[in-house]
């Protein structure tokens, strides 16, 4: 695993309560978590039945449209 440079924020008992890191590292972690979540949702949808184009259009047309 890659070393992530962090600074720990501690309370009056020297207990670690938070972590501080540079924004670029945070963005990379955030993107990795989002990608993982998306891939898990995609895996779950593999078991679901797919709609034909006609069925999908019909379903879309049935949705309530916001103005």
Protein backbone atom coordinates (compact mmCIF):
# COMPACT_ATOMS: atom_id res chain seq x y z
CA UNK A 1 0.00 0.00 0.00
CA UNK A 2 1.14 3.52 -0.73
CA UNK A 3 2.26 5.62 2.21
CA UNK A 4 -0.18 8.47 2.69
CA UNK A 5 1.41 11.48 4.35
CA UNK A 6 -0.92 12.55 7.17
CA UNK A 7 -0.88 14.68 10.28
CA UNK A 8 -2.82 13.49 13.30
CA UNK A 9 -4.89 15.83 15.41
CA UNK A 10 -4.97 14.80 19.06
CA UNK A 11 -7.08 15.77 22.06
CA UNK A 12 -5.85 16.86 25.49
CA UNK A 13 -5.17 13.19 26.37
CA UNK A 14 -3.02 12.75 23.26
CA UNK A 15 -5.72 10.50 21.74
CA UNK A 16 -5.92 10.70 17.93
CA UNK A 17 -9.25 12.28 16.96
CA UNK A 18 -8.74 13.36 13.34
CA UNK A 19 -6.42 13.17 10.37
CA UNK A 20 -5.22 15.97 8.15
CA UNK A 21 -3.97 15.29 4.61
CA UNK A 22 -3.32 17.25 1.45
CA UNK A 23 -6.28 17.82 -0.85
CA UNK A 24 -4.84 15.84 -3.78
CA UNK A 25 -4.50 12.72 -1.63
CA UNK A 26 -8.04 13.21 -0.33
CA UNK A 27 -9.39 13.56 -3.89
CA UNK A 28 -7.67 10.32 -4.93
CA UNK A 29 -9.15 8.46 -1.95
CA UNK A 30 -12.57 9.95 -2.62
CA UNK A 31 -12.43 8.93 -6.29
CA UNK A 32 -11.32 5.40 -5.39
CA UNK A 33 -14.24 5.03 -2.97
CA UNK A 34 -16.73 6.36 -5.53
CA UNK A 35 -15.39 4.01 -8.19
CA UNK A 36 -15.62 1.06 -5.80
CA UNK A 37 -19.21 1.94 -4.91
CA UNK A 38 -20.15 2.27 -8.57
CA UNK A 39 -18.55 -1.06 -9.44
CA UNK A 40 -20.49 -2.75 -6.62
CA UNK A 41 -23.77 -1.29 -7.93
CA UNK A 42 -22.89 -2.44 -11.43
CA UNK A 43 -22.22 -5.97 -10.16
CA UNK A 44 -25.60 -6.04 -8.42
CA UNK A 45 -27.38 -4.92 -11.58
CA UNK A 46 -25.96 -7.84 -13.57
CA UNK A 47 -28.53 -10.07 -11.89
CA UNK A 48 -31.42 -7.82 -12.88
CA UNK A 49 -33.48 -8.28 -16.00
CA UNK A 50 -32.67 -5.83 -18.79
CA UNK A 51 -35.29 -3.86 -20.68
CA UNK A 52 -35.51 -3.78 -24.44
CA UNK A 53 -35.19 -0.37 -26.07
CA UNK A 54 -38.96 -0.23 -26.58
CA UNK A 55 -39.61 -1.18 -22.94
CA UNK A 56 -37.07 1.38 -21.71
CA UNK A 57 -38.65 4.16 -23.77
CA UNK A 58 -42.09 3.19 -22.52
CA UNK A 59 -40.87 3.22 -18.92
CA UNK A 60 -39.16 6.58 -19.44
CA UNK A 61 -42.34 8.06 -20.94
CA UNK A 62 -44.32 6.85 -17.92
CA UNK A 63 -42.13 8.72 -15.45
CA UNK A 64 -43.52 11.90 -13.95
CA UNK A 65 -41.77 14.87 -15.51
CA UNK A 66 -40.71 17.81 -13.34
CA UNK A 67 -41.22 21.30 -14.67
